[in-house]
Amino acid sequence: MSRSNLIYNIISLMNEGAIRFEDLEEFSDQLRETVRFFNADTY
């Protein structure tokens, strides 16, 4: 899975309620910031 697909999959899982942003705490700061940027309306 490419990094861009990973981000979209994470956002999709968050939108479905399967995971929360807090579940990403062990991921890199850069990935979390990217997810936050693309999912900004949630925060």
C-alpha atoms as a PDB file:
ATOM      1  CA  MET A   1       0.000   0.000   0.000  1.00  0.00           C
ATOM      2  CA  SER A   2       1.373   3.389  -0.942  1.00  0.00           C
ATOM      3  CA  ARG A   3       1.617   6.171   1.617  1.00  0.00           C
ATOM      4  CA  SER A   4      -1.070   8.216  -0.132  1.00  0.00           C
ATOM      5  CA  ASN A   5      -3.469   5.261  -0.019  1.00  0.00           C
ATOM      6  CA  LEU A   6      -2.619   4.716   3.641  1.00  0.00           C
ATOM      7  CA  ILE A   7      -3.637   8.267   4.507  1.00  0.00           C
ATOM      8  CA  TYR A   8      -6.935   8.004   2.640  1.00  0.00           C
ATOM      9  CA  ASN A   9      -7.642   4.636   4.252  1.00  0.00           C
ATOM     10  CA  ILE A  10      -6.943   6.058   7.714  1.00  0.00           C
ATOM     11  CA  ILE A  11      -9.252   9.008   7.041  1.00  0.00           C
ATOM     12  CA  SER A  12     -11.944   6.641   5.786  1.00  0.00           C
ATOM     13  CA  LEU A  13     -11.654   4.509   8.926  1.00  0.00           C
ATOM     14  CA  MET A  14     -11.872   7.629  11.077  1.00  0.00           C
ATOM     15  CA  ASN A  15     -14.966   8.853   9.225  1.00  0.00           C
ATOM     16  CA  GLU A  16     -16.593   5.447   9.755  1.00  0.00           C
ATOM     17  CA  GLY A  17     -15.790   5.604  13.468  1.00  0.00           C
ATOM     18  CA  ALA A  18     -13.562   2.526  13.345  1.00  0.00           C
ATOM     19  CA  ILE A  19     -10.548   4.447  14.693  1.00  0.00           C
ATOM     20  CA  ARG A  20      -9.961   7.786  16.416  1.00  0.00           C
ATOM     21  CA  PHE A  21      -7.149  10.271  16.000  1.00  0.00           C
ATOM     22  CA  GLU A  22      -5.825   9.179  19.395  1.00  0.00           C
ATOM     23  CA  ASP A  23      -5.272   5.698  17.927  1.00  0.00           C
ATOM     24  CA  LEU A  24      -2.564   7.186  15.705  1.00  0.00           C
ATOM     25  CA  GLU A  25      -0.293   8.238  18.583  1.00  0.00           C
ATOM     26  CA  GLU A  26       2.407   5.721  17.617  1.00  0.00           C
ATOM     27  CA  PHE A  27       2.493   6.923  14.007  1.00  0.00           C
ATOM     28  CA  SER A  28       4.902   9.632  12.894  1.00  0.00           C
ATOM     29  CA  ASP A  29       4.166  13.289  13.573  1.00  0.00           C
ATOM     30  CA  GLN A  30       4.199  13.909   9.830  1.00  0.00           C
ATOM     31  CA  LEU A  31       1.534  11.275   9.143  1.00  0.00           C
ATOM     32  CA  ARG A  32      -0.676  12.579  11.950  1.00  0.00           C
ATOM     33  CA  GLU A  33      -0.359  16.160  10.691  1.00  0.00           C
ATOM     34  CA  THR A  34      -1.233  15.031   7.158  1.00  0.00           C
ATOM     35  CA  VAL A  35      -4.301  13.167   8.415  1.00  0.00           C
ATOM     36  CA  ARG A  36      -5.293  16.214  10.469  1.00  0.00           C
ATOM     37  CA  PHE A  37      -4.885  18.464   7.407  1.00  0.00           C
ATOM     38  CA  PHE A  38      -7.083  16.296   5.167  1.00  0.00           C
ATOM     39  CA  ASN A  39      -9.615  15.669   7.918  1.00  0.00           C
ATOM     40  CA  ALA A  40      -9.583  19.232   9.293  1.00  0.00           C
ATOM     41  CA  ASP A  41     -13.361  19.612   9.438  1.00  0.00           C
ATOM     42  CA  THR A  42     -13.428  16.976  12.188  1.00  0.00           C
ATOM     43  CA  TYR A  43     -11.100  18.908  14.507  1.00  0.00           C
END
